[in-house]
Amino acid sequence: MLPLPERVLLASGVTDLRKSIDGLAALVQESLGTSPFTPTLFVFCNRGRDKLKMLYWDHNGFWLFYRRLERGTFPWPQSSEASISISVRQLRWLLDGLALSQCQAHPSVQVDVVV
């Protein structure tokens, strides 16, 4: 079963994707200042913005996901912060090549009763 993260954190800037699990976990701990063992999906992007690696701790081991685009680039956000917290929905947008701030998307609705 694939993990469902509670949080998604994008590592700002570019990351050397030659790093594997141990290298990325060290980046999370040292650069992002958080534990790689939290229920968070950590997302890293290369300089060309056509490759992503995602790291996630699940019970007794790490998941390492790798995504490479054959054409195009990911709309990787720019930030002066070390990381950017996004929702799982925004991650889907990013993976589909859409900007994180979608003006056309329907906003989420909180409903208590059926009308």
C-alpha atoms as a PDB file:
ATOM      1  CA  MET A   1       0.000   0.000   0.000  1.00  0.00           C
ATOM      2  CA  LEU A   2       1.356   3.402  -0.927  1.00  0.00           C
ATOM      3  CA  PRO A   3       1.718   5.925   1.912  1.00  0.00           C
ATOM      4  CA  LEU A   4      -0.603   8.886   2.392  1.00  0.00           C
ATOM      5  CA  PRO A   5       1.366  11.786   3.839  1.00  0.00           C
ATOM      6  CA  GLU A   6      -0.038  14.166   6.436  1.00  0.00           C
ATOM      7  CA  ARG A   7       2.145  16.992   5.075  1.00  0.00           C
ATOM      8  CA  VAL A   8       4.102  17.764   1.924  1.00  0.00           C
ATOM      9  CA  LEU A   9       7.271  19.886   2.060  1.00  0.00           C
ATOM     10  CA  LEU A  10       9.073  21.127  -1.048  1.00  0.00           C
ATOM     11  CA  ALA A  11      12.793  21.765  -0.631  1.00  0.00           C
ATOM     12  CA  SER A  12      13.315  25.236  -2.103  1.00  0.00           C
ATOM     13  CA  GLY A  13      15.872  25.737  -4.824  1.00  0.00           C
ATOM     14  CA  VAL A  14      17.643  22.908  -6.593  1.00  0.00           C
ATOM     15  CA  THR A  15      18.885  19.596  -5.221  1.00  0.00           C
ATOM     16  CA  ASP A  16      21.573  17.283  -6.533  1.00  0.00           C
ATOM     17  CA  LEU A  17      19.408  14.263  -7.325  1.00  0.00           C
ATOM     18  CA  ARG A  18      22.408  11.931  -7.384  1.00  0.00           C
ATOM     19  CA  LYS A  19      21.700  11.733  -3.655  1.00  0.00           C
ATOM     20  CA  SER A  20      19.772   8.683  -2.559  1.00  0.00           C
ATOM     21  CA  ILE A  21      17.848   7.974   0.634  1.00  0.00           C
ATOM     22  CA  ASP A  22      20.629   8.689   3.143  1.00  0.00           C
ATOM     23  CA  GLY A  23      21.745  11.887   1.402  1.00  0.00           C
ATOM     24  CA  LEU A  24      18.213  13.231   1.075  1.00  0.00           C
ATOM     25  CA  ALA A  25      17.407  12.318   4.706  1.00  0.00           C
ATOM     26  CA  ALA A  26      20.515  14.243   5.779  1.00  0.00           C
ATOM     27  CA  LEU A  27      19.344  17.259   3.719  1.00  0.00           C
ATOM     28  CA  VAL A  28      15.946  17.130   5.421  1.00  0.00           C
ATOM     29  CA  GLN A  29      17.566  17.077   8.842  1.00  0.00           C
ATOM     30  CA  GLU A  30      20.294  19.664   8.232  1.00  0.00           C
ATOM     31  CA  SER A  31      18.879  22.075   5.622  1.00  0.00           C
ATOM     32  CA  LEU A  32      15.151  21.876   6.323  1.00  0.00           C
ATOM     33  CA  GLY A  33      15.609  21.538  10.087  1.00  0.00           C
ATOM     34  CA  THR A  34      13.089  18.751  10.552  1.00  0.00           C
ATOM     35  CA  SER A  35      13.186  15.035  11.178  1.00  0.00           C
ATOM     36  CA  PRO A  36      12.946  12.819   8.081  1.00  0.00           C
ATOM     37  CA  PHE A  37      10.960  10.356  10.230  1.00  0.00           C
ATOM     38  CA  THR A  38       7.874  12.604  10.507  1.00  0.00           C
ATOM     39  CA  PRO A  39       4.744  11.709   8.468  1.00  0.00           C
ATOM     40  CA  THR A  40       5.812  14.187   5.773  1.00  0.00           C
ATOM     41  CA  LEU A  41       6.523  13.694   2.086  1.00  0.00           C
ATOM     42  CA  PHE A  42       9.692  15.624   1.209  1.00  0.00           C
ATOM     43  CA  VAL A  43       9.982  16.685  -2.445  1.00  0.00           C
ATOM     44  CA  PHE A  44      13.225  17.681  -4.197  1.00  0.00           C
ATOM     45  CA  CYS A  45      13.769  19.039  -7.726  1.00  0.00           C
ATOM     46  CA  ASN A  46      16.837  19.123  -9.981  1.00  0.00           C
ATOM     47  CA  ARG A  47      18.304  22.193 -11.702  1.00  0.00           C
ATOM     48  CA  GLY A  48      16.618  21.413 -15.039  1.00  0.00           C
ATOM     49  CA  ARG A  49      13.227  21.077 -13.274  1.00  0.00           C
ATOM     50  CA  ASP A  50      12.472  17.871 -15.184  1.00  0.00           C
ATOM     51  CA  LYS A  51      13.165  15.412 -12.348  1.00  0.00           C
ATOM     52  CA  LEU A  52      11.762  15.035  -8.836  1.00  0.00           C
ATOM     53  CA  LYS A  53      12.644  12.779  -5.933  1.00  0.00           C
ATOM     54  CA  MET A  54      10.259  12.309  -3.027  1.00  0.00           C
ATOM     55  CA  LEU A  55      11.243  10.835   0.328  1.00  0.00           C
ATOM     56  CA  TYR A  56       8.815   9.415   2.888  1.00  0.00           C
ATOM     57  CA  TRP A  57       9.301   7.413   6.110  1.00  0.00           C
ATOM     58  CA  ASP A  58       6.767   4.611   6.599  1.00  0.00           C
ATOM     59  CA  HIS A  59       6.852   2.448   9.773  1.00  0.00           C
ATOM     60  CA  ASN A  60      10.216   0.710   9.340  1.00  0.00           C
ATOM     61  CA  GLY A  61      11.759   2.126   6.171  1.00  0.00           C
ATOM     62  CA  PHE A  62      11.898   4.899   3.624  1.00  0.00           C
ATOM     63  CA  TRP A  63       9.997   5.176   0.368  1.00  0.00           C
ATOM     64  CA  LEU A  64      11.932   6.887  -2.435  1.00  0.00           C
ATOM     65  CA  PHE A  65       9.870   8.025  -5.420  1.00  0.00           C
ATOM     66  CA  TYR A  66      11.457   9.304  -8.624  1.00  0.00           C
ATOM     67  CA  ARG A  67       9.655  11.148 -11.411  1.00  0.00           C
ATOM     68  CA  ARG A  68      11.269  12.115 -14.721  1.00  0.00           C
ATOM     69  CA  LEU A  69       9.494  14.110 -17.410  1.00  0.00           C
ATOM     70  CA  GLU A  70      10.183  13.186 -21.020  1.00  0.00           C
ATOM     71  CA  ARG A  71       9.100  16.674 -22.158  1.00  0.00           C
ATOM     72  CA  GLY A  72       8.526  19.910 -20.286  1.00  0.00           C
ATOM     73  CA  THR A  73       9.399  21.055 -16.789  1.00  0.00           C
ATOM     74  CA  PHE A  74       7.805  21.202 -13.365  1.00  0.00           C
ATOM     75  CA  PRO A  75       6.601  24.689 -12.313  1.00  0.00           C
ATOM     76  CA  TRP A  76       8.909  24.649  -9.277  1.00  0.00           C
ATOM     77  CA  PRO A  77       8.134  27.585  -6.940  1.00  0.00           C
ATOM     78  CA  GLN A  78      10.810  30.053  -5.885  1.00  0.00           C
ATOM     79  CA  SER A  79      11.145  30.970  -2.219  1.00  0.00           C
ATOM     80  CA  SER A  80      13.677  32.488   0.141  1.00  0.00           C
ATOM     81  CA  GLU A  81      12.614  29.941   2.775  1.00  0.00           C
ATOM     82  CA  ALA A  82      14.334  26.540   3.033  1.00  0.00           C
ATOM     83  CA  SER A  83      11.049  24.732   2.397  1.00  0.00           C
ATOM     84  CA  ILE A  84       7.498  25.337   1.236  1.00  0.00           C
ATOM     85  CA  SER A  85       4.571  23.517   2.813  1.00  0.00           C
ATOM     86  CA  ILE A  86       1.864  22.531   0.310  1.00  0.00           C
ATOM     87  CA  SER A  87      -1.244  20.360   0.349  1.00  0.00           C
ATOM     88  CA  VAL A  88      -1.528  16.946  -1.270  1.00  0.00           C
ATOM     89  CA  ARG A  89      -3.891  18.573  -3.786  1.00  0.00           C
ATOM     90  CA  GLN A  90      -1.223  21.129  -4.721  1.00  0.00           C
ATOM     91  CA  LEU A  91       1.292  18.283  -5.102  1.00  0.00           C
ATOM     92  CA  ARG A  92      -1.036  16.689  -7.682  1.00  0.00           C
ATOM     93  CA  TRP A  93      -1.148  20.029  -9.507  1.00  0.00           C
ATOM     94  CA  LEU A  94       2.651  20.254  -9.465  1.00  0.00           C
ATOM     95  CA  LEU A  95       3.023  16.703 -10.779  1.00  0.00           C
ATOM     96  CA  ASP A  96       0.514  17.510 -13.542  1.00  0.00           C
ATOM     97  CA  GLY A  97       2.533  20.575 -14.582  1.00  0.00           C
ATOM     98  CA  LEU A  98       0.231  23.187 -13.073  1.00  0.00           C
ATOM     99  CA  ALA A  99       1.189  26.138 -10.903  1.00  0.00           C
ATOM    100  CA  LEU A 100       0.578  25.781  -7.165  1.00  0.00           C
ATOM    101  CA  SER A 101      -1.805  28.738  -7.082  1.00  0.00           C
ATOM    102  CA  GLN A 102      -4.674  27.665  -9.306  1.00  0.00           C
ATOM    103  CA  CYS A 103      -7.194  30.452  -9.754  1.00  0.00           C
ATOM    104  CA  GLN A 104      -9.593  28.223 -11.697  1.00  0.00           C
ATOM    105  CA  ALA A 105      -9.803  25.388  -9.186  1.00  0.00           C
ATOM    106  CA  HIS A 106     -12.949  25.020  -7.124  1.00  0.00           C
ATOM    107  CA  PRO A 107     -12.301  26.022  -3.514  1.00  0.00           C
ATOM    108  CA  SER A 108     -12.814  23.394  -0.834  1.00  0.00           C
ATOM    109  CA  VAL A 109     -16.190  23.582   0.916  1.00  0.00           C
ATOM    110  CA  GLN A 110     -16.861  22.685   4.555  1.00  0.00           C
ATOM    111  CA  VAL A 111     -20.366  21.253   4.874  1.00  0.00           C
ATOM    112  CA  ASP A 112     -22.128  20.117   8.054  1.00  0.00           C
ATOM    113  CA  VAL A 113     -25.508  19.038   6.677  1.00  0.00           C
ATOM    114  CA  VAL A 114     -26.990  18.032   3.336  1.00  0.00           C
ATOM    115  CA  VAL A 115     -29.248  20.708   1.899  1.00  0.00           C
END
